[in-house]
Amino acid sequence: FLIAGPVTHLLPSDAEVWVDGGHNVS
C-alpha cells in the first residue's frame, strides 16, 4: 500500500493505491 508521496499525490487524496510485483498466473 502506497503511503502519501509524489506518486499518490497525482491522484485524488482518498485514492487507494497498491503496488504488486507479481507476474505469473499464481
PDB file of all heavy atoms in Angstrom:
ATOM      1  N   PHE A   1       0.849  -1.188   0.000  1.00  0.00           N
ATOM      2  CA  PHE A   1       0.000   0.000   0.000  1.00  0.00           C
ATOM      3  C   PHE A   1       0.888   1.242   0.000  1.00  0.00           C
ATOM      4  O   PHE A   1       1.761   1.381   0.855  1.00  0.00           O
ATOM      5  CB  PHE A   1      -0.909   0.001   1.222  1.00  0.00           C
ATOM      6  CG  PHE A   1      -1.862   1.159   1.279  1.00  0.00           C
ATOM      7  CD1 PHE A   1      -3.018   1.157   0.517  1.00  0.00           C
ATOM      8  CD2 PHE A   1      -1.598   2.244   2.086  1.00  0.00           C
ATOM      9  CE1 PHE A   1      -3.899   2.231   0.565  1.00  0.00           C
ATOM     10  CE2 PHE A   1      -2.457   3.323   2.144  1.00  0.00           C
ATOM     11  CZ  PHE A   1      -3.624   3.313   1.377  1.00  0.00           C
ATOM     12  N   LEU A   2       0.668   2.121  -0.964  1.00  0.00           N
ATOM     13  CA  LEU A   2       1.493   3.326  -1.052  1.00  0.00           C
ATOM     14  C   LEU A   2       1.005   4.383  -0.073  1.00  0.00           C
ATOM     15  O   LEU A   2      -0.177   4.741  -0.061  1.00  0.00           O
ATOM     16  CB  LEU A   2       1.464   3.899  -2.464  1.00  0.00           C
ATOM     17  CG  LEU A   2       2.238   3.163  -3.559  1.00  0.00           C
ATOM     18  CD1 LEU A   2       2.305   4.017  -4.817  1.00  0.00           C
ATOM     19  CD2 LEU A   2       3.639   2.798  -3.109  1.00  0.00           C
ATOM     20  N   ILE A   3       1.934   4.885   0.743  1.00  0.00           N
ATOM     21  CA  ILE A   3       1.620   5.998   1.616  1.00  0.00           C
ATOM     22  C   ILE A   3       1.673   7.291   0.800  1.00  0.00           C
ATOM     23  O   ILE A   3       2.061   7.290  -0.369  1.00  0.00           O
ATOM     24  CB  ILE A   3       2.600   6.071   2.795  1.00  0.00           C
ATOM     25  CG1 ILE A   3       4.035   6.279   2.292  1.00  0.00           C
ATOM     26  CG2 ILE A   3       2.507   4.809   3.643  1.00  0.00           C
ATOM     27  CD1 ILE A   3       5.056   6.482   3.400  1.00  0.00           C
ATOM     28  N   ALA A   4       1.274   8.388   1.410  1.00  0.00           N
ATOM     29  CA  ALA A   4       1.270   9.671   0.694  1.00  0.00           C
ATOM     30  C   ALA A   4       2.677  10.019   0.226  1.00  0.00           C
ATOM     31  O   ALA A   4       3.651   9.921   0.980  1.00  0.00           O
ATOM     32  CB  ALA A   4       0.732  10.775   1.602  1.00  0.00           C
ATOM     33  N   GLY A   5       2.807  10.388  -1.049  1.00  0.00           N
ATOM     34  CA  GLY A   5       4.095  10.719  -1.622  1.00  0.00           C
ATOM     35  C   GLY A   5       3.917  11.279  -3.029  1.00  0.00           C
ATOM     36  O   GLY A   5       2.789  11.488  -3.491  1.00  0.00           O
ATOM     37  N   PRO A   6       4.998  11.517  -3.731  1.00  0.00           N
ATOM     38  CA  PRO A   6       4.930  12.113  -5.072  1.00  0.00           C
ATOM     39  C   PRO A   6       4.067  11.326  -6.058  1.00  0.00           C
ATOM     40  O   PRO A   6       3.463  11.928  -6.957  1.00  0.00           O
ATOM     41  CB  PRO A   6       6.392  12.130  -5.521  1.00  0.00           C
ATOM     42  CG  PRO A   6       7.183  12.207  -4.248  1.00  0.00           C
ATOM     43  CD  PRO A   6       6.405  11.382  -3.266  1.00  0.00           C
ATOM     44  N   VAL A   7       4.018  10.015  -5.917  1.00  0.00           N
ATOM     45  CA  VAL A   7       3.185   9.215  -6.822  1.00  0.00           C
ATOM     46  C   VAL A   7       1.714   9.353  -6.468  1.00  0.00           C
ATOM     47  O   VAL A   7       0.877   9.646  -7.332  1.00  0.00           O
ATOM     48  CB  VAL A   7       3.607   7.733  -6.793  1.00  0.00           C
ATOM     49  CG1 VAL A   7       2.622   6.868  -7.580  1.00  0.00           C
ATOM     50  CG2 VAL A   7       5.004   7.572  -7.373  1.00  0.00           C
ATOM     51  N   THR A   8       1.385   9.145  -5.211  1.00  0.00           N
ATOM     52  CA  THR A   8      -0.026   9.186  -4.819  1.00  0.00           C
ATOM     53  C   THR A   8      -0.614  10.590  -4.949  1.00  0.00           C
ATOM     54  O   THR A   8      -1.831  10.740  -5.134  1.00  0.00           O
ATOM     55  CB  THR A   8      -0.212   8.701  -3.367  1.00  0.00           C
ATOM     56  OG1 THR A   8       0.499   9.581  -2.481  1.00  0.00           O
ATOM     57  CG2 THR A   8       0.330   7.294  -3.214  1.00  0.00           C
ATOM     58  N   HIS A   9       0.229  11.612  -4.875  1.00  0.00           N
ATOM     59  CA  HIS A   9      -0.268  12.982  -4.980  1.00  0.00           C
ATOM     60  C   HIS A   9      -0.788  13.321  -6.375  1.00  0.00           C
ATOM     61  O   HIS A   9      -1.423  14.365  -6.569  1.00  0.00           O
ATOM     62  CB  HIS A   9       0.823  13.976  -4.573  1.00  0.00           C
ATOM     63  CG  HIS A   9       1.105  13.989  -3.105  1.00  0.00           C
ATOM     64  ND1 HIS A   9       2.262  14.505  -2.545  1.00  0.00           N
ATOM     65  CD2 HIS A   9       0.380  13.512  -2.062  1.00  0.00           C
ATOM     66  CE1 HIS A   9       2.221  14.363  -1.238  1.00  0.00           C
ATOM     67  NE2 HIS A   9       1.101  13.764  -0.926  1.00  0.00           N
ATOM     68  N   LEU A  10      -0.547  12.442  -7.333  1.00  0.00           N
ATOM     69  CA  LEU A  10      -1.087  12.636  -8.678  1.00  0.00           C
ATOM     70  C   LEU A  10      -2.550  12.215  -8.764  1.00  0.00           C
ATOM     71  O   LEU A  10      -3.199  12.451  -9.785  1.00  0.00           O
ATOM     72  CB  LEU A  10      -0.277  11.832  -9.702  1.00  0.00           C
ATOM     73  CG  LEU A  10       1.204  12.214  -9.831  1.00  0.00           C
ATOM     74  CD1 LEU A  10       1.919  11.232 -10.753  1.00  0.00           C
ATOM     75  CD2 LEU A  10       1.337  13.638 -10.354  1.00  0.00           C
ATOM     76  N   LEU A  11      -3.069  11.636  -7.697  1.00  0.00           N
ATOM     77  CA  LEU A  11      -4.435  11.122  -7.671  1.00  0.00           C
ATOM     78  C   LEU A  11      -5.238  11.831  -6.586  1.00  0.00           C
ATOM     79  O   LEU A  11      -4.672  12.535  -5.738  1.00  0.00           O
ATOM     80  CB  LEU A  11      -4.404   9.618  -7.391  1.00  0.00           C
ATOM     81  CG  LEU A  11      -3.696   8.762  -8.452  1.00  0.00           C
ATOM     82  CD1 LEU A  11      -3.402   7.375  -7.908  1.00  0.00           C
ATOM     83  CD2 LEU A  11      -4.547   8.681  -9.718  1.00  0.00           C
ATOM     84  N   PRO A  12      -6.576  11.679  -6.584  1.00  0.00           N
ATOM     85  CA  PRO A  12      -7.372  12.263  -5.503  1.00  0.00           C
ATOM     86  C   PRO A  12      -6.865  11.811  -4.138  1.00  0.00           C
ATOM     87  O   PRO A  12      -6.333  10.708  -3.984  1.00  0.00           O
ATOM     88  CB  PRO A  12      -8.777  11.719  -5.791  1.00  0.00           C
ATOM     89  CG  PRO A  12      -8.796  11.472  -7.268  1.00  0.00           C
ATOM     90  CD  PRO A  12      -7.414  11.019  -7.610  1.00  0.00           C
ATOM     91  N   SER A  13      -7.026  12.637  -3.141  1.00  0.00           N
ATOM     92  CA  SER A  13      -6.443  12.382  -1.822  1.00  0.00           C
ATOM     93  C   SER A  13      -6.972  11.109  -1.176  1.00  0.00           C
ATOM     94  O   SER A  13      -6.303  10.524  -0.304  1.00  0.00           O
ATOM     95  CB  SER A  13      -6.699  13.570  -0.891  1.00  0.00           C
ATOM     96  OG  SER A  13      -8.095  13.805  -0.746  1.00  0.00           O
ATOM     97  N   ASP A  14      -8.168  10.665  -1.570  1.00  0.00           N
ATOM     98  CA  ASP A  14      -8.718   9.456  -0.965  1.00  0.00           C
ATOM     99  C   ASP A  14      -8.467   8.215  -1.812  1.00  0.00           C
ATOM    100  O   ASP A  14      -9.036   7.145  -1.548  1.00  0.00           O
ATOM    101  CB  ASP A  14     -10.221   9.618  -0.713  1.00  0.00           C
ATOM    102  CG  ASP A  14     -11.015   9.804  -1.999  1.00  0.00           C
ATOM    103  OD1 ASP A  14     -10.402  10.043  -3.070  1.00  0.00           O
ATOM    104  OD2 ASP A  14     -12.259   9.704  -1.942  1.00  0.00           O
ATOM    105  N   ALA A  15      -7.616   8.336  -2.813  1.00  0.00           N
ATOM    106  CA  ALA A  15      -7.328   7.183  -3.677  1.00  0.00           C
ATOM    107  C   ALA A  15      -6.596   6.090  -2.907  1.00  0.00           C
ATOM    108  O   ALA A  15      -5.760   6.359  -2.041  1.00  0.00           O
ATOM    109  CB  ALA A  15      -6.512   7.615  -4.883  1.00  0.00           C
ATOM    110  N   GLU A  16      -6.905   4.861  -3.234  1.00  0.00           N
ATOM    111  CA  GLU A  16      -6.258   3.684  -2.658  1.00  0.00           C
ATOM    112  C   GLU A  16      -5.295   3.152  -3.716  1.00  0.00           C
ATOM    113  O   GLU A  16      -5.720   2.719  -4.784  1.00  0.00           O
ATOM    114  CB  GLU A  16      -7.332   2.651  -2.318  1.00  0.00           C
ATOM    115  CG  GLU A  16      -6.879   1.434  -1.581  1.00  0.00           C
ATOM    116  CD  GLU A  16      -8.056   0.515  -1.268  1.00  0.00           C
ATOM    117  OE1 GLU A  16      -9.106   1.020  -0.808  1.00  0.00           O
ATOM    118  OE2 GLU A  16      -7.935  -0.696  -1.491  1.00  0.00           O
ATOM    119  N   VAL A  17      -4.000   3.202  -3.446  1.00  0.00           N
ATOM    120  CA  VAL A  17      -3.004   2.838  -4.459  1.00  0.00           C
ATOM    121  C   VAL A  17      -2.169   1.655  -3.957  1.00  0.00           C
ATOM    122  O   VAL A  17      -1.536   1.732  -2.904  1.00  0.00           O
ATOM    123  CB  VAL A  17      -2.073   4.020  -4.799  1.00  0.00           C
ATOM    124  CG1 VAL A  17      -1.168   3.656  -5.979  1.00  0.00           C
ATOM    125  CG2 VAL A  17      -2.883   5.273  -5.128  1.00  0.00           C
ATOM    126  N   TRP A  18      -2.179   0.577  -4.749  1.00  0.00           N
ATOM    127  CA  TRP A  18      -1.449  -0.635  -4.408  1.00  0.00           C
ATOM    128  C   TRP A  18      -0.374  -0.917  -5.455  1.00  0.00           C
ATOM    129  O   TRP A  18      -0.560  -0.636  -6.637  1.00  0.00           O
ATOM    130  CB  TRP A  18      -2.397  -1.838  -4.363  1.00  0.00           C
ATOM    131  CG  TRP A  18      -3.440  -1.755  -3.292  1.00  0.00           C
ATOM    132  CD1 TRP A  18      -4.690  -1.230  -3.391  1.00  0.00           C
ATOM    133  CD2 TRP A  18      -3.309  -2.206  -1.937  1.00  0.00           C
ATOM    134  NE1 TRP A  18      -5.365  -1.328  -2.201  1.00  0.00           N
ATOM    135  CE2 TRP A  18      -4.536  -1.927  -1.290  1.00  0.00           C
ATOM    136  CE3 TRP A  18      -2.288  -2.823  -1.224  1.00  0.00           C
ATOM    137  CZ2 TRP A  18      -4.758  -2.250   0.054  1.00  0.00           C
ATOM    138  CZ3 TRP A  18      -2.507  -3.146   0.104  1.00  0.00           C
ATOM    139  CH2 TRP A  18      -3.733  -2.855   0.732  1.00  0.00           C
ATOM    140  N   VAL A  19       0.733  -1.504  -5.009  1.00  0.00           N
ATOM    141  CA  VAL A  19       1.799  -1.934  -5.915  1.00  0.00           C
ATOM    142  C   VAL A  19       2.062  -3.411  -5.664  1.00  0.00           C
ATOM    143  O   VAL A  19       2.197  -3.839  -4.511  1.00  0.00           O
ATOM    144  CB  VAL A  19       3.096  -1.139  -5.675  1.00  0.00           C
ATOM    145  CG1 VAL A  19       4.217  -1.673  -6.561  1.00  0.00           C
ATOM    146  CG2 VAL A  19       2.876   0.330  -5.954  1.00  0.00           C
ATOM    147  N   ASP A  20       2.113  -4.191  -6.749  1.00  0.00           N
ATOM    148  CA  ASP A  20       2.427  -5.612  -6.608  1.00  0.00           C
ATOM    149  C   ASP A  20       3.296  -6.048  -7.778  1.00  0.00           C
ATOM    150  O   ASP A  20       2.979  -5.786  -8.930  1.00  0.00           O
ATOM    151  CB  ASP A  20       1.152  -6.454  -6.567  1.00  0.00           C
ATOM    152  CG  ASP A  20       1.456  -7.902  -6.207  1.00  0.00           C
ATOM    153  OD1 ASP A  20       1.575  -8.188  -5.000  1.00  0.00           O
ATOM    154  OD2 ASP A  20       1.605  -8.732  -7.119  1.00  0.00           O
ATOM    155  N   GLY A  21       4.399  -6.717  -7.460  1.00  0.00           N
ATOM    156  CA  GLY A  21       5.341  -7.133  -8.489  1.00  0.00           C
ATOM    157  C   GLY A  21       5.024  -8.466  -9.126  1.00  0.00           C
ATOM    158  O   GLY A  21       5.804  -8.967  -9.933  1.00  0.00           O
ATOM    159  N   GLY A  22       3.875  -9.062  -8.798  1.00  0.00           N
ATOM    160  CA  GLY A  22       3.514 -10.367  -9.338  1.00  0.00           C
ATOM    161  C   GLY A  22       3.442 -10.363 -10.853  1.00  0.00           C
ATOM    162  O   GLY A  22       3.000  -9.390 -11.458  1.00  0.00           O
ATOM    163  N   HIS A  23       3.843 -11.503 -11.470  1.00  0.00           N
ATOM    164  CA  HIS A  23       3.920 -11.519 -12.923  1.00  0.00           C
ATOM    165  C   HIS A  23       3.574 -12.878 -13.526  1.00  0.00           C
ATOM    166  O   HIS A  23       3.842 -13.124 -14.694  1.00  0.00           O
ATOM    167  CB  HIS A  23       5.336 -11.130 -13.369  1.00  0.00           C
ATOM    168  CG  HIS A  23       6.405 -11.901 -12.645  1.00  0.00           C
ATOM    169  ND1 HIS A  23       7.116 -11.349 -11.600  1.00  0.00           N
ATOM    170  CD2 HIS A  23       6.840 -13.168 -12.761  1.00  0.00           C
ATOM    171  CE1 HIS A  23       7.967 -12.250 -11.137  1.00  0.00           C
ATOM    172  NE2 HIS A  23       7.823 -13.363 -11.826  1.00  0.00           N
ATOM    173  N   ASN A  24       2.990 -13.791 -12.735  1.00  0.00           N
ATOM    174  CA  ASN A  24       2.608 -15.087 -13.285  1.00  0.00           C
ATOM    175  C   ASN A  24       1.185 -15.427 -12.854  1.00  0.00           C
ATOM    176  O   ASN A  24       0.519 -14.647 -12.161  1.00  0.00           O
ATOM    177  CB  ASN A  24       3.602 -16.174 -12.868  1.00  0.00           C
ATOM    178  CG  ASN A  24       3.799 -16.256 -11.357  1.00  0.00           C
ATOM    179  OD1 ASN A  24       2.877 -16.010 -10.582  1.00  0.00           O
ATOM    180  ND2 ASN A  24       5.007 -16.574 -10.918  1.00  0.00           N
ATOM    181  N   VAL A  25       0.699 -16.592 -13.286  1.00  0.00           N
ATOM    182  CA  VAL A  25      -0.691 -16.967 -13.038  1.00  0.00           C
ATOM    183  C   VAL A  25      -0.994 -17.018 -11.542  1.00  0.00           C
ATOM    184  O   VAL A  25      -2.042 -16.536 -11.090  1.00  0.00           O
ATOM    185  CB  VAL A  25      -1.003 -18.322 -13.703  1.00  0.00           C
ATOM    186  CG1 VAL A  25      -2.390 -18.804 -13.303  1.00  0.00           C
ATOM    187  CG2 VAL A  25      -0.909 -18.200 -15.225  1.00  0.00           C
ATOM    188  N   SER A  26      -0.106 -17.599 -10.769  1.00  0.00           N
ATOM    189  CA  SER A  26      -0.335 -17.692  -9.323  1.00  0.00           C
ATOM    190  C   SER A  26      -0.485 -16.309  -8.700  1.00  0.00           C
ATOM    191  O   SER A  26      -1.338 -16.088  -7.831  1.00  0.00           O
ATOM    192  CB  SER A  26       0.814 -18.452  -8.657  1.00  0.00           C
ATOM    193  OG  SER A  26       0.894 -19.774  -9.132  1.00  0.00           O
TER     194      SER A  26
END
